[in-house]
């Protein structure tokens, strides 16, 4: 993992309530780089996040709405935000249920632009 990517992921994890940030392969759902607290299931986040973004893309494109700019899932115990970086890479953040979703999404989009 390059120092630039590591710093970018660490910036995301500095947001209050964010437990981890993962850069994943969009096709295979494999972790490319990560910065996460102990207990964060990085591999599961990468695999399921990539699958979710692919499926949302099919849904949006089928409805004539284009490709996803971000995908957000909120559960009782936590939040997952995913932002495509390129056709090959996906940026994901996992946070607690009270995380500031708007701030996380904005930071993921900023980092994604930086990594392009």
N, C-alpha and C. Protein backbone atom coordinates (compact mmCIF):
# COMPACT_ATOMS: atom_id res chain seq x y z
N UNK A 1 0.86 -1.17 0.00
CA UNK A 1 0.00 0.00 0.00
C UNK A 1 0.90 1.23 0.00
N UNK A 2 0.65 2.13 -0.91
CA UNK A 2 1.47 3.34 -0.99
C UNK A 2 1.18 4.25 0.20
N UNK A 3 2.12 5.11 0.51
CA UNK A 3 1.95 6.05 1.63
C UNK A 3 0.78 6.99 1.36
N UNK A 4 0.59 7.36 0.11
CA UNK A 4 -0.51 8.27 -0.26
C UNK A 4 -1.87 7.62 0.03
N UNK A 5 -2.03 6.37 -0.37
CA UNK A 5 -3.29 5.65 -0.13
C UNK A 5 -3.49 5.45 1.37
N UNK A 6 -2.45 5.07 2.07
CA UNK A 6 -2.54 4.87 3.52
C UNK A 6 -3.00 6.14 4.22
N UNK A 7 -2.41 7.27 3.86
CA UNK A 7 -2.80 8.55 4.47
C UNK A 7 -4.26 8.89 4.16
N UNK A 8 -4.67 8.64 2.91
CA UNK A 8 -6.05 8.94 2.52
C UNK A 8 -7.04 8.11 3.33
N UNK A 9 -6.76 6.82 3.52
CA UNK A 9 -7.65 5.96 4.31
C UNK A 9 -7.64 6.36 5.78
N UNK A 10 -6.48 6.75 6.29
CA UNK A 10 -6.40 7.19 7.69
C UNK A 10 -7.20 8.47 7.91
N UNK A 11 -7.24 9.35 6.92
CA UNK A 11 -8.04 10.58 7.03
C UNK A 11 -9.52 10.24 7.21
N UNK A 12 -9.98 9.24 6.48
CA UNK A 12 -11.37 8.82 6.60
C UNK A 12 -11.65 8.27 7.99
N UNK A 13 -10.73 7.47 8.51
CA UNK A 13 -10.95 6.85 9.82
C UNK A 13 -10.83 7.85 10.98
N UNK A 14 -10.37 9.05 10.70
CA UNK A 14 -10.32 10.08 11.75
C UNK A 14 -11.67 10.71 12.01
N UNK A 15 -12.63 10.49 11.13
CA UNK A 15 -13.98 11.02 11.33
C UNK A 15 -14.60 10.29 12.51
N UNK A 16 -15.19 11.05 13.42
CA UNK A 16 -15.81 10.45 14.60
C UNK A 16 -16.86 9.42 14.19
N UNK A 17 -16.73 8.23 14.73
CA UNK A 17 -17.68 7.16 14.47
C UNK A 17 -17.30 6.21 13.36
N UNK A 18 -16.28 6.56 12.55
CA UNK A 18 -15.83 5.67 11.48
C UNK A 18 -14.89 4.63 12.09
N UNK A 19 -15.19 3.36 11.84
CA UNK A 19 -14.39 2.26 12.39
C UNK A 19 -13.40 1.70 11.39
N UNK A 20 -13.62 2.00 10.12
CA UNK A 20 -12.68 1.49 9.14
C UNK A 20 -12.95 2.03 7.74
N UNK A 21 -11.89 2.03 6.93
CA UNK A 21 -11.98 2.43 5.52
C UNK A 21 -11.24 1.38 4.70
N UNK A 22 -11.85 1.00 3.59
CA UNK A 22 -11.29 -0.06 2.75
C UNK A 22 -11.30 0.40 1.29
N UNK A 23 -10.18 0.17 0.61
CA UNK A 23 -10.11 0.33 -0.83
C UNK A 23 -10.17 -1.08 -1.39
N UNK A 24 -11.16 -1.35 -2.24
CA UNK A 24 -11.39 -2.72 -2.71
C UNK A 24 -11.44 -2.80 -4.23
N UNK A 25 -11.15 -3.97 -4.73
CA UNK A 25 -11.33 -4.27 -6.14
C UNK A 25 -12.84 -4.39 -6.40
N UNK A 26 -13.37 -3.63 -7.34
CA UNK A 26 -14.82 -3.60 -7.59
C UNK A 26 -15.35 -4.91 -8.16
N UNK A 27 -14.53 -5.62 -8.92
CA UNK A 27 -14.98 -6.85 -9.55
C UNK A 27 -14.89 -8.04 -8.61
N UNK A 28 -13.75 -8.20 -7.97
CA UNK A 28 -13.51 -9.37 -7.13
C UNK A 28 -13.88 -9.15 -5.65
N UNK A 29 -14.02 -7.90 -5.24
CA UNK A 29 -14.33 -7.63 -3.84
C UNK A 29 -13.18 -7.94 -2.91
N UNK A 30 -11.96 -7.81 -3.40
CA UNK A 30 -10.76 -8.10 -2.61
C UNK A 30 -10.20 -6.81 -2.04
N UNK A 31 -9.73 -6.87 -0.79
CA UNK A 31 -9.12 -5.71 -0.15
C UNK A 31 -7.82 -5.35 -0.86
N UNK A 32 -7.72 -4.10 -1.30
CA UNK A 32 -6.50 -3.59 -1.92
C UNK A 32 -5.67 -2.87 -0.86
N UNK A 33 -6.36 -2.10 -0.01
CA UNK A 33 -5.72 -1.37 1.09
C UNK A 33 -6.78 -1.12 2.15
N UNK A 34 -6.34 -0.94 3.40
CA UNK A 34 -7.32 -0.70 4.46
C UNK A 34 -6.69 0.01 5.65
N UNK A 35 -7.56 0.66 6.39
CA UNK A 35 -7.21 1.26 7.67
C UNK A 35 -8.43 1.05 8.56
N UNK A 36 -8.32 0.10 9.48
CA UNK A 36 -9.51 -0.26 10.25
C UNK A 36 -9.14 -0.66 11.68
N UNK A 37 -10.09 -0.46 12.58
CA UNK A 37 -9.93 -0.87 13.96
C UNK A 37 -10.04 -2.39 14.06
N UNK A 38 -9.54 -2.93 15.15
CA UNK A 38 -9.70 -4.36 15.41
C UNK A 38 -11.18 -4.70 15.44
N UNK A 39 -11.53 -5.85 14.93
CA UNK A 39 -12.91 -6.28 14.94
C UNK A 39 -13.68 -5.92 13.68
N UNK A 40 -13.14 -5.04 12.85
CA UNK A 40 -13.80 -4.69 11.59
C UNK A 40 -13.48 -5.79 10.59
N UNK A 41 -14.49 -6.37 10.02
CA UNK A 41 -14.34 -7.49 9.07
C UNK A 41 -14.06 -6.95 7.67
N UNK A 42 -12.80 -6.62 7.44
CA UNK A 42 -12.37 -5.95 6.21
C UNK A 42 -12.74 -6.74 4.95
N UNK A 43 -12.44 -8.05 4.96
CA UNK A 43 -12.69 -8.87 3.78
C UNK A 43 -14.18 -8.94 3.46
N UNK A 44 -15.00 -9.06 4.49
CA UNK A 44 -16.46 -9.12 4.28
C UNK A 44 -16.97 -7.78 3.75
N UNK A 45 -16.46 -6.69 4.30
CA UNK A 45 -16.87 -5.37 3.84
C UNK A 45 -16.51 -5.19 2.36
N UNK A 46 -15.31 -5.58 1.99
CA UNK A 46 -14.88 -5.44 0.59
C UNK A 46 -15.73 -6.30 -0.33
N UNK A 47 -15.93 -7.55 0.01
CA UNK A 47 -16.67 -8.46 -0.86
C UNK A 47 -18.15 -8.07 -0.96
N UNK A 48 -18.78 -7.84 0.17
CA UNK A 48 -20.20 -7.50 0.16
C UNK A 48 -20.44 -6.11 -0.39
N UNK A 49 -19.54 -5.18 -0.09
CA UNK A 49 -19.67 -3.82 -0.63
C UNK A 49 -19.57 -3.80 -2.15
N UNK A 50 -18.62 -4.55 -2.69
CA UNK A 50 -18.47 -4.61 -4.15
C UNK A 50 -19.70 -5.23 -4.79
N UNK A 51 -20.21 -6.29 -4.19
CA UNK A 51 -21.42 -6.94 -4.71
C UNK A 51 -22.61 -5.99 -4.66
N UNK A 52 -22.75 -5.28 -3.56
CA UNK A 52 -23.86 -4.34 -3.40
C UNK A 52 -23.81 -3.23 -4.45
N UNK A 53 -22.64 -2.66 -4.66
CA UNK A 53 -22.50 -1.57 -5.63
C UNK A 53 -22.79 -2.08 -7.05
N UNK A 54 -22.35 -3.30 -7.37
CA UNK A 54 -22.65 -3.88 -8.68
C UNK A 54 -24.16 -4.03 -8.87
N UNK A 55 -24.82 -4.57 -7.85
CA UNK A 55 -26.27 -4.80 -7.95
C UNK A 55 -27.04 -3.48 -8.01
N UNK A 56 -26.61 -2.50 -7.23
CA UNK A 56 -27.25 -1.18 -7.30
C UNK A 56 -27.04 -0.55 -8.67
N UNK A 57 -25.87 -0.79 -9.26
CA UNK A 57 -25.60 -0.28 -10.60
C UNK A 57 -26.55 -0.87 -11.62
N UNK A 58 -26.81 -2.18 -11.52
CA UNK A 58 -27.75 -2.83 -12.44
C UNK A 58 -29.14 -2.21 -12.27
N UNK A 59 -29.55 -2.02 -11.03
CA UNK A 59 -30.86 -1.44 -10.75
C UNK A 59 -30.98 -0.02 -11.30
N UNK A 60 -30.00 0.83 -10.99
CA UNK A 60 -30.05 2.21 -11.45
C UNK A 60 -29.98 2.32 -12.97
N UNK A 61 -29.06 1.59 -13.57
CA UNK A 61 -28.93 1.65 -15.02
C UNK A 61 -30.18 1.10 -15.69
N UNK A 62 -30.76 0.03 -15.15
CA UNK A 62 -31.99 -0.53 -15.69
C UNK A 62 -33.14 0.45 -15.63
N UNK A 63 -33.13 1.32 -14.64
CA UNK A 63 -34.17 2.33 -14.50
C UNK A 63 -33.83 3.62 -15.22
N UNK A 64 -32.72 3.61 -15.96
CA UNK A 64 -32.34 4.80 -16.71
C UNK A 64 -31.77 5.91 -15.85
N UNK A 65 -31.25 5.57 -14.67
CA UNK A 65 -30.75 6.59 -13.74
C UNK A 65 -29.23 6.72 -13.74
N UNK A 66 -28.54 5.95 -14.55
CA UNK A 66 -27.08 6.04 -14.62
C UNK A 66 -26.40 5.16 -13.60
N UNK A 67 -25.13 5.40 -13.40
CA UNK A 67 -24.33 4.59 -12.48
C UNK A 67 -24.36 5.22 -11.07
N UNK A 68 -24.18 4.40 -10.03
CA UNK A 68 -24.21 4.94 -8.67
C UNK A 68 -23.01 5.87 -8.40
N UNK A 69 -23.28 7.00 -7.77
CA UNK A 69 -22.20 7.89 -7.30
C UNK A 69 -21.81 7.52 -5.87
N UNK A 70 -22.76 6.98 -5.12
CA UNK A 70 -22.47 6.43 -3.81
C UNK A 70 -23.62 5.49 -3.42
N UNK A 71 -23.32 4.59 -2.49
CA UNK A 71 -24.32 3.67 -1.96
C UNK A 71 -24.23 3.76 -0.45
N UNK A 72 -25.39 3.85 0.20
CA UNK A 72 -25.45 4.00 1.65
C UNK A 72 -26.37 2.94 2.23
N UNK A 73 -25.89 2.24 3.25
CA UNK A 73 -26.70 1.30 4.02
C UNK A 73 -26.60 1.69 5.48
N UNK A 74 -27.73 1.81 6.13
CA UNK A 74 -27.74 2.12 7.55
C UNK A 74 -28.51 1.03 8.28
N UNK A 75 -27.90 0.47 9.30
CA UNK A 75 -28.53 -0.54 10.13
C UNK A 75 -28.58 -0.08 11.57
N UNK A 76 -29.18 -0.87 12.40
CA UNK A 76 -29.26 -0.52 13.83
C UNK A 76 -27.88 -0.42 14.48
N UNK A 77 -26.96 -1.23 14.01
CA UNK A 77 -25.64 -1.30 14.64
C UNK A 77 -24.55 -0.56 13.89
N UNK A 78 -24.85 -0.07 12.69
CA UNK A 78 -23.79 0.59 11.95
C UNK A 78 -24.20 1.05 10.57
N UNK A 79 -23.23 1.63 9.89
CA UNK A 79 -23.45 2.27 8.59
C UNK A 79 -22.33 1.86 7.64
N UNK A 80 -22.69 1.65 6.38
CA UNK A 80 -21.73 1.38 5.33
C UNK A 80 -21.95 2.39 4.22
N UNK A 81 -20.88 3.06 3.80
CA UNK A 81 -20.94 4.00 2.69
C UNK A 81 -19.91 3.55 1.66
N UNK A 82 -20.33 3.48 0.40
CA UNK A 82 -19.43 3.06 -0.67
C UNK A 82 -19.45 4.10 -1.78
N UNK A 83 -18.25 4.40 -2.30
CA UNK A 83 -18.10 5.36 -3.40
C UNK A 83 -17.15 4.75 -4.43
N UNK A 84 -17.60 4.60 -5.67
CA UNK A 84 -16.70 4.13 -6.71
C UNK A 84 -15.55 5.13 -6.93
N UNK A 85 -14.35 4.58 -7.11
CA UNK A 85 -13.18 5.41 -7.39
C UNK A 85 -12.92 5.40 -8.89
N UNK A 86 -12.79 4.21 -9.45
CA UNK A 86 -12.61 3.99 -10.88
C UNK A 86 -13.46 2.79 -11.27
N UNK A 87 -13.34 2.34 -12.51
CA UNK A 87 -14.05 1.13 -12.92
C UNK A 87 -13.52 -0.10 -12.18
N UNK A 88 -12.31 0.00 -11.64
CA UNK A 88 -11.68 -1.14 -10.97
C UNK A 88 -11.69 -1.04 -9.45
N UNK A 89 -11.83 0.16 -8.89
CA UNK A 89 -11.68 0.33 -7.44
C UNK A 89 -12.91 0.95 -6.79
N UNK A 90 -13.11 0.59 -5.54
CA UNK A 90 -14.23 1.05 -4.74
C UNK A 90 -13.71 1.44 -3.36
N UNK A 91 -14.19 2.55 -2.84
CA UNK A 91 -13.82 3.03 -1.51
C UNK A 91 -15.02 2.83 -0.59
N UNK A 92 -14.77 2.19 0.57
CA UNK A 92 -15.84 1.91 1.52
C UNK A 92 -15.46 2.39 2.90
N UNK A 93 -16.46 2.85 3.65
CA UNK A 93 -16.25 3.21 5.05
C UNK A 93 -17.34 2.55 5.87
N UNK A 94 -16.97 2.03 7.02
CA UNK A 94 -17.93 1.45 7.94
C UNK A 94 -17.87 2.26 9.23
N UNK A 95 -19.03 2.60 9.74
CA UNK A 95 -19.09 3.42 10.94
C UNK A 95 -20.18 2.95 11.88
N UNK A 96 -20.23 3.57 13.03
CA UNK A 96 -21.29 3.22 13.97
C UNK A 96 -22.60 3.85 13.51
N UNK A 97 -23.66 3.54 14.19
CA UNK A 97 -24.99 3.97 13.77
C UNK A 97 -25.17 5.49 13.82
N UNK A 98 -24.38 6.16 14.66
CA UNK A 98 -24.54 7.61 14.83
C UNK A 98 -23.55 8.44 14.01
N UNK A 99 -22.79 7.79 13.13
CA UNK A 99 -21.79 8.51 12.35
C UNK A 99 -22.48 9.56 11.47
N UNK A 100 -21.78 10.66 11.22
CA UNK A 100 -22.29 11.73 10.36
C UNK A 100 -22.15 11.26 8.91
N UNK A 101 -23.24 10.74 8.36
CA UNK A 101 -23.22 10.13 7.04
C UNK A 101 -22.83 11.14 5.96
N UNK A 102 -23.33 12.35 6.05
CA UNK A 102 -22.99 13.36 5.05
C UNK A 102 -21.51 13.66 5.03
N UNK A 103 -20.92 13.77 6.20
CA UNK A 103 -19.48 14.03 6.29
C UNK A 103 -18.68 12.86 5.73
N UNK A 104 -19.07 11.64 6.06
CA UNK A 104 -18.37 10.46 5.57
C UNK A 104 -18.47 10.40 4.04
N UNK A 105 -19.66 10.58 3.50
CA UNK A 105 -19.85 10.54 2.06
C UNK A 105 -19.00 11.61 1.37
N UNK A 106 -19.00 12.81 1.90
CA UNK A 106 -18.21 13.90 1.30
C UNK A 106 -16.72 13.58 1.34
N UNK A 107 -16.25 13.02 2.44
CA UNK A 107 -14.83 12.67 2.56
C UNK A 107 -14.47 11.53 1.61
N UNK A 108 -15.34 10.53 1.50
CA UNK A 108 -15.08 9.44 0.56
C UNK A 108 -15.02 9.97 -0.88
N UNK A 109 -15.93 10.86 -1.23
CA UNK A 109 -15.91 11.42 -2.58
C UNK A 109 -14.64 12.25 -2.82
N UNK A 110 -14.22 12.99 -1.80
CA UNK A 110 -12.98 13.78 -1.94
C UNK A 110 -11.78 12.86 -2.15
N UNK A 111 -11.70 11.82 -1.32
CA UNK A 111 -10.58 10.88 -1.42
C UNK A 111 -10.62 10.13 -2.76
N UNK A 112 -11.82 9.75 -3.20
CA UNK A 112 -11.95 9.06 -4.49
C UNK A 112 -11.42 9.94 -5.62
N UNK A 113 -11.76 11.22 -5.61
CA UNK A 113 -11.24 12.15 -6.64
C UNK A 113 -9.72 12.22 -6.58
N UNK A 114 -9.20 12.25 -5.37
CA UNK A 114 -7.75 12.33 -5.17
C UNK A 114 -7.03 11.07 -5.69
N UNK A 115 -7.69 9.92 -5.56
CA UNK A 115 -7.06 8.65 -5.95
C UNK A 115 -7.20 8.35 -7.45
N UNK A 116 -8.04 9.09 -8.14
CA UNK A 116 -8.25 8.84 -9.59
C UNK A 116 -7.03 9.20 -10.39
